[in-house]
C-alpha atoms as a PDB file:
ATOM      1  CA  MET A   1     110.629  68.631 132.898  1.00  0.00           C
ATOM      2  CA  PHE A   2     110.687  72.218 133.765  1.00  0.00           C
ATOM      3  CA  GLU A   3     108.542  73.032 136.858  1.00  0.00           C
ATOM      4  CA  VAL A   4     107.211  76.503 137.902  1.00  0.00           C
ATOM      5  CA  ARG A   5     105.724  77.627 141.232  1.00  0.00           C
ATOM      6  CA  ILE A   6     103.756  80.968 141.140  1.00  0.00           C
ATOM      7  CA  HIS A   7     102.987  82.484 144.411  1.00  0.00           C
ATOM      8  CA  GLY A   8     100.456  85.629 144.949  1.00  0.00           C
ATOM      9  CA  ARG A   9      97.509  86.615 146.575  1.00  0.00           C
ATOM     10  CA  GLY A  10      93.882  85.980 145.783  1.00  0.00           C
ATOM     11  CA  GLY A  11      92.653  88.261 142.954  1.00  0.00           C
ATOM     12  CA  GLN A  12      96.030  88.814 141.388  1.00  0.00           C
ATOM     13  CA  GLY A  13      95.508  86.212 138.752  1.00  0.00           C
ATOM     14  CA  VAL A  14      97.805  83.557 139.882  1.00  0.00           C
ATOM     15  CA  VAL A  15      95.748  80.541 138.812  1.00  0.00           C
ATOM     16  CA  THR A  16      95.201  82.521 135.496  1.00  0.00           C
ATOM     17  CA  ALA A  17      98.976  82.766 135.151  1.00  0.00           C
ATOM     18  CA  ALA A  18      99.589  79.045 135.514  1.00  0.00           C
ATOM     19  CA  GLU A  19      96.972  78.284 132.918  1.00  0.00           C
ATOM     20  CA  LEU A  20      98.142  80.864 130.385  1.00  0.00           C
ATOM     21  CA  LEU A  21     101.923  79.331 131.060  1.00  0.00           C
ATOM     22  CA  SER A  22     100.508  75.680 130.368  1.00  0.00           C
ATOM     23  CA  VAL A  23      98.601  76.982 127.106  1.00  0.00           C
ATOM     24  CA  ALA A  24     101.881  78.915 125.878  1.00  0.00           C
ATOM     25  CA  ALA A  25     103.721  75.604 126.322  1.00  0.00           C
ATOM     26  CA  PHE A  26     101.117  73.719 124.288  1.00  0.00           C
ATOM     27  CA  LEU A  27     101.292  76.166 121.721  1.00  0.00           C
ATOM     28  CA  ASP A  28     105.183  75.760 121.573  1.00  0.00           C
ATOM     29  CA  GLY A  29     104.472  72.045 120.925  1.00  0.00           C
ATOM     30  CA  ARG A  30     105.075  70.769 124.445  1.00  0.00           C
ATOM     31  CA  HIS A  31     103.068  68.948 127.057  1.00  0.00           C
ATOM     32  CA  ALA A  32     102.157  70.962 130.025  1.00  0.00           C
ATOM     33  CA  GLN A  33      99.744  70.975 132.981  1.00  0.00           C
ATOM     34  CA  ALA A  34      98.618  73.681 135.457  1.00  0.00           C
ATOM     35  CA  PHE A  35      96.863  73.509 138.771  1.00  0.00           C
ATOM     36  CA  PRO A  36      96.174  75.692 141.801  1.00  0.00           C
ATOM     37  CA  SER A  37      96.608  75.065 145.470  1.00  0.00           C
ATOM     38  CA  PHE A  38      94.263  77.193 147.701  1.00  0.00           C
ATOM     39  CA  GLY A  39      94.251  78.023 151.444  1.00  0.00           C
ATOM     40  CA  SER A  40      91.385  80.171 152.507  1.00  0.00           C
ATOM     41  CA  GLU A  41      89.680  81.142 149.202  1.00  0.00           C
ATOM     42  CA  ARG A  42      89.576  84.825 149.749  1.00  0.00           C
ATOM     43  CA  THR A  43      90.848  87.890 147.983  1.00  0.00           C
ATOM     44  CA  GLY A  44      94.217  88.875 149.469  1.00  0.00           C
ATOM     45  CA  ALA A  45      94.996  85.402 150.862  1.00  0.00           C
ATOM     46  CA  PRO A  46      98.063  83.742 149.584  1.00  0.00           C
ATOM     47  CA  VAL A  47      97.735  81.489 146.707  1.00  0.00           C
ATOM     48  CA  VAL A  48      99.930  79.052 144.894  1.00  0.00           C
ATOM     49  CA  ALA A  49      99.761  77.661 141.428  1.00  0.00           C
ATOM     50  CA  PHE A  50     101.858  75.147 139.679  1.00  0.00           C
ATOM     51  CA  CYS A  51     102.789  74.635 135.940  1.00  0.00           C
ATOM     52  CA  ARG A  52     104.912  71.721 134.531  1.00  0.00           C
ATOM     53  CA  ILE A  53     106.170  71.753 130.827  1.00  0.00           C
ATOM     54  CA  GLY A  54     107.788  68.693 129.251  1.00  0.00           C
ATOM     55  CA  GLU A  55     108.509  67.122 126.306  1.00  0.00           C
ATOM     56  CA  ARG A  56     106.586  63.892 126.997  1.00  0.00           C
ATOM     57  CA  PRO A  57     103.128  63.423 128.849  1.00  0.00           C
ATOM     58  CA  ILE A  58     103.224  64.389 132.307  1.00  0.00           C
ATOM     59  CA  ARG A  59     101.889  61.932 134.563  1.00  0.00           C
ATOM     60  CA  THR A  60     102.794  63.434 138.068  1.00  0.00           C
ATOM     61  CA  ARG A  61     100.063  65.477 139.847  1.00  0.00           C
ATOM     62  CA  GLU A  62     101.447  66.523 143.021  1.00  0.00           C
ATOM     63  CA  PRO A  63     102.386  70.172 143.864  1.00  0.00           C
ATOM     64  CA  ILE A  64     105.962  71.125 142.989  1.00  0.00           C
ATOM     65  CA  ALA A  65     108.181  70.905 145.884  1.00  0.00           C
ATOM     66  CA  ALA A  66     111.458  71.503 144.017  1.00  0.00           C
ATOM     67  CA  PRO A  67     110.778  74.162 141.312  1.00  0.00           C
ATOM     68  CA  ASP A  68     112.934  75.229 138.507  1.00  0.00           C
ATOM     69  CA  ALA A  69     111.570  78.519 138.622  1.00  0.00           C
ATOM     70  CA  LEU A  70     109.638  80.815 140.871  1.00  0.00           C
ATOM     71  CA  ILE A  71     107.131  83.661 139.631  1.00  0.00           C
ATOM     72  CA  ILE A  72     106.332  85.867 142.661  1.00  0.00           C
ATOM     73  CA  GLN A  73     103.502  87.972 141.957  1.00  0.00           C
ATOM     74  CA  ASP A  74     103.494  89.825 145.448  1.00  0.00           C
ATOM     75  CA  PRO A  75     106.736  90.770 147.120  1.00  0.00           C
ATOM     76  CA  THR A  76     105.038  90.964 150.331  1.00  0.00           C
ATOM     77  CA  LEU A  77     104.945  87.256 150.426  1.00  0.00           C
ATOM     78  CA  LEU A  78     108.800  86.942 150.479  1.00  0.00           C
ATOM     79  CA  HIS A  79     109.010  86.912 154.268  1.00  0.00           C
ATOM     80  CA  GLN A  80     105.586  85.739 155.176  1.00  0.00           C
ATOM     81  CA  VAL A  81     105.637  82.349 153.334  1.00  0.00           C
ATOM     82  CA  ASP A  82     108.355  80.244 152.547  1.00  0.00           C
ATOM     83  CA  VAL A  83     108.292  81.141 148.890  1.00  0.00           C
ATOM     84  CA  PHE A  84     112.044  79.893 148.105  1.00  0.00           C
ATOM     85  CA  GLY A  85     111.536  76.332 149.583  1.00  0.00           C
ATOM     86  CA  GLY A  86     112.832  73.793 147.375  1.00  0.00           C
ATOM     87  CA  LEU A  87     114.188  75.963 144.594  1.00  0.00           C
ATOM     88  CA  HIS A  88     116.841  74.404 142.637  1.00  0.00           C
ATOM     89  CA  GLU A  89     120.395  76.088 143.265  1.00  0.00           C
ATOM     90  CA  ASP A  90     120.295  77.258 139.618  1.00  0.00           C
ATOM     91  CA  GLY A  91     116.573  78.167 139.582  1.00  0.00           C
ATOM     92  CA  TYR A  92     114.885  81.246 138.194  1.00  0.00           C
ATOM     93  CA  VAL A  93     113.366  83.731 140.243  1.00  0.00           C
ATOM     94  CA  LEU A  94     111.147  86.574 138.892  1.00  0.00           C
ATOM     95  CA  ILE A  95     109.700  89.050 141.464  1.00  0.00           C
ATOM     96  CA  ASN A  96     106.871  91.476 140.687  1.00  0.00           C
ATOM     97  CA  THR A  97     108.871  94.657 142.266  1.00  0.00           C
ATOM     98  CA  ALA A  98     111.073  97.594 141.176  1.00  0.00           C
ATOM     99  CA  ARG A  99     113.018  96.989 144.134  1.00  0.00           C
ATOM    100  CA  GLY A 100     116.544  94.961 143.819  1.00  0.00           C
ATOM    101  CA  PRO A 101     117.250  91.712 145.612  1.00  0.00           C
ATOM    102  CA  GLY A 102     119.169  93.606 148.347  1.00  0.00           C
ATOM    103  CA  GLU A 103     116.527  96.148 148.951  1.00  0.00           C
ATOM    104  CA  LEU A 104     114.260  93.130 149.309  1.00  0.00           C
ATOM    105  CA  GLY A 105     116.678  91.182 151.792  1.00  0.00           C
ATOM    106  CA  ILE A 106     117.050  88.328 149.589  1.00  0.00           C
ATOM    107  CA  ASP A 107     120.473  88.901 148.194  1.00  0.00           C
ATOM    108  CA  THR A 108     121.873  85.791 150.026  1.00  0.00           C
ATOM    109  CA  LEU A 109     119.766  83.373 147.940  1.00  0.00           C
ATOM    110  CA  ALA A 110     121.779  80.694 146.436  1.00  0.00           C
ATOM    111  CA  THR A 111     120.577  81.195 142.991  1.00  0.00           C
ATOM    112  CA  GLU A 112     122.097  84.003 140.725  1.00  0.00           C
ATOM    113  CA  ARG A 113     119.183  83.980 138.566  1.00  0.00           C
ATOM    114  CA  ILE A 114     117.055  86.520 140.297  1.00  0.00           C
ATOM    115  CA  ARG A 115     115.081  89.137 138.290  1.00  0.00           C
ATOM    116  CA  THR A 116     112.940  91.797 139.435  1.00  0.00           C
ATOM    117  CA  LEU A 117     110.333  93.220 137.323  1.00  0.00           C
ATOM    118  CA  PRO A 118     107.762  96.269 137.926  1.00  0.00           C
ATOM    119  CA  ALA A 119     105.065  94.122 136.708  1.00  0.00           C
ATOM    120  CA  SER A 120     102.249  95.998 138.562  1.00  0.00           C
ATOM    121  CA  GLU A 121     103.411  99.463 137.377  1.00  0.00           C
ATOM    122  CA  ILE A 122     103.626  98.028 133.857  1.00  0.00           C
ATOM    123  CA  ALA A 123     100.102  96.564 134.022  1.00  0.00           C
ATOM    124  CA  ARG A 124      98.736  99.809 135.306  1.00  0.00           C
ATOM    125  CA  GLU A 125     100.252 101.590 132.359  1.00  0.00           C
ATOM    126  CA  HIS A 126      98.715  99.174 129.918  1.00  0.00           C
ATOM    127  CA  LEU A 127      95.690  98.233 131.604  1.00  0.00           C
ATOM    128  CA  GLY A 128      94.773 100.737 134.067  1.00  0.00           C
ATOM    129  CA  ARG A 129      94.876  98.193 136.679  1.00  0.00           C
ATOM    130  CA  PRO A 130      97.763  96.625 138.570  1.00  0.00           C
ATOM    131  CA  LEU A 131      97.114  92.977 137.568  1.00  0.00           C
ATOM    132  CA  PRO A 132     100.625  91.637 137.012  1.00  0.00           C
ATOM    133  CA  ASN A 133     100.117  88.128 135.852  1.00  0.00           C
ATOM    134  CA  ALA A 134     100.430  88.606 132.205  1.00  0.00           C
ATOM    135  CA  VAL A 135     103.378  90.947 132.297  1.00  0.00           C
ATOM    136  CA  LEU A 136     105.179  88.582 134.472  1.00  0.00           C
ATOM    137  CA  LEU A 137     104.698  85.680 131.924  1.00  0.00           C
ATOM    138  CA  GLY A 138     106.315  88.138 129.381  1.00  0.00           C
ATOM    139  CA  GLY A 139     109.063  88.597 131.654  1.00  0.00           C
ATOM    140  CA  PHE A 140     109.364  84.878 132.321  1.00  0.00           C
ATOM    141  CA  ALA A 141     109.511  84.048 128.729  1.00  0.00           C
ATOM    142  CA  ALA A 142     112.526  86.463 128.236  1.00  0.00           C
ATOM    143  CA  GLN A 143     114.273  85.288 131.491  1.00  0.00           C
ATOM    144  CA  THR A 144     113.927  81.562 130.938  1.00  0.00           C
ATOM    145  CA  GLY A 145     113.248  80.926 127.323  1.00  0.00           C
ATOM    146  CA  ALA A 146     110.856  78.051 128.550  1.00  0.00           C
ATOM    147  CA  VAL A 147     108.176  79.418 126.355  1.00  0.00           C
ATOM    148  CA  ALA A 148     108.108  81.728 123.596  1.00  0.00           C
ATOM    149  CA  ILE A 149     106.752  85.238 123.622  1.00  0.00           C
ATOM    150  CA  ASP A 150     104.652  84.583 120.713  1.00  0.00           C
ATOM    151  CA  SER A 151     102.830  81.671 122.324  1.00  0.00           C
ATOM    152  CA  VAL A 152     102.513  83.778 125.535  1.00  0.00           C
ATOM    153  CA  GLU A 153     100.822  86.388 123.295  1.00  0.00           C
ATOM    154  CA  LYS A 154      98.396  83.692 121.660  1.00  0.00           C
ATOM    155  CA  ALA A 155      97.608  82.215 124.908  1.00  0.00           C
ATOM    156  CA  ILE A 156      96.586  85.630 126.157  1.00  0.00           C
ATOM    157  CA  ARG A 157      94.289  86.111 122.990  1.00  0.00           C
ATOM    158  CA  GLU A 158      92.692  82.641 123.539  1.00  0.00           C
ATOM    159  CA  ARG A 159      91.833  83.545 127.109  1.00  0.00           C
ATOM    160  CA  PHE A 160      90.764  87.138 126.507  1.00  0.00           C
ATOM    161  CA  THR A 161      89.151  89.179 123.774  1.00  0.00           C
ATOM    162  CA  GLY A 162      89.048  92.667 122.477  1.00  0.00           C
ATOM    163  CA  ALA A 163      90.909  95.639 124.192  1.00  0.00           C
ATOM    164  CA  ILE A 164      91.472  93.359 127.211  1.00  0.00           C
ATOM    165  CA  ALA A 165      93.423  90.888 125.177  1.00  0.00           C
ATOM    166  CA  GLU A 166      95.313  93.445 123.310  1.00  0.00           C
ATOM    167  CA  HIS A 167      96.369  95.566 126.390  1.00  0.00           C
ATOM    168  CA  ASN A 168      97.655  92.320 128.260  1.00  0.00           C
ATOM    169  CA  VAL A 169      99.639  91.376 125.073  1.00  0.00           C
ATOM    170  CA  ALA A 170     101.078  94.861 124.919  1.00  0.00           C
ATOM    171  CA  ALA A 171     101.978  94.507 128.707  1.00  0.00           C
ATOM    172  CA  ALA A 172     103.588  91.185 128.384  1.00  0.00           C
ATOM    173  CA  ARG A 173     105.558  92.471 125.362  1.00  0.00           C
ATOM    174  CA  ALA A 174     106.792  95.499 127.174  1.00  0.00           C
ATOM    175  CA  ALA A 175     107.989  93.077 130.052  1.00  0.00           C
ATOM    176  CA  PHE A 176     109.711  90.805 127.580  1.00  0.00           C
ATOM    177  CA  GLU A 177     111.622  93.616 125.954  1.00  0.00           C
ATOM    178  CA  LEU A 178     112.653  95.142 129.468  1.00  0.00           C
ATOM    179  CA  ILE A 179     114.138  91.782 130.651  1.00  0.00           C
ATOM    180  CA  GLY A 180     115.751  91.230 127.331  1.00  0.00           C
ATOM    181  CA  GLU A 181     116.540  88.372 125.010  1.00  0.00           C
ATOM    182  CA  PRO A 182     115.688  84.883 126.416  1.00  0.00           C
ATOM    183  CA  ALA A 183     118.198  82.613 128.256  1.00  0.00           C
ATOM    184  CA  HIS A 184     117.517  79.089 127.825  1.00  0.00           C
ATOM    185  CA  ALA A 185     115.881  76.648 130.500  1.00  0.00           C
END
């Protein structure tokens, strides 16, 4: 099973990102589940969502304490919340920022699989708003290979319609191409 924890703030689409990731996994023919964990439910408050992807039905329902991958939608959380808690030594980390790990003060992290992606800027370019969730899913697909970019695009089109869907798909594809060919989870 491949477990993903997504950190962000209320209003950034953290819960939607987890749901889209699970739908993309289903479209890839795999089992998946997505669920959020809320503290204070207000815009700007820290939010965590979880997604599990597996080859067999998933029976566990508890929050993910030891993720294989982290998606961090808001880099201001890096030193406010224990976002790296439990991360596997060879885990993937994707952070919404144009800055590198050294500039973020996380260059001593045990994993070598850290990538940064200016997702808010890519979203602003394609959507006119800095909503990083779909962009980060495109980057995640490239970084990990855990889901196919075509499935991410289909999941976005199932959730949204018209221009909103197409702009999100274009933003996810741009991130996928920026990160490059997928590794394999």
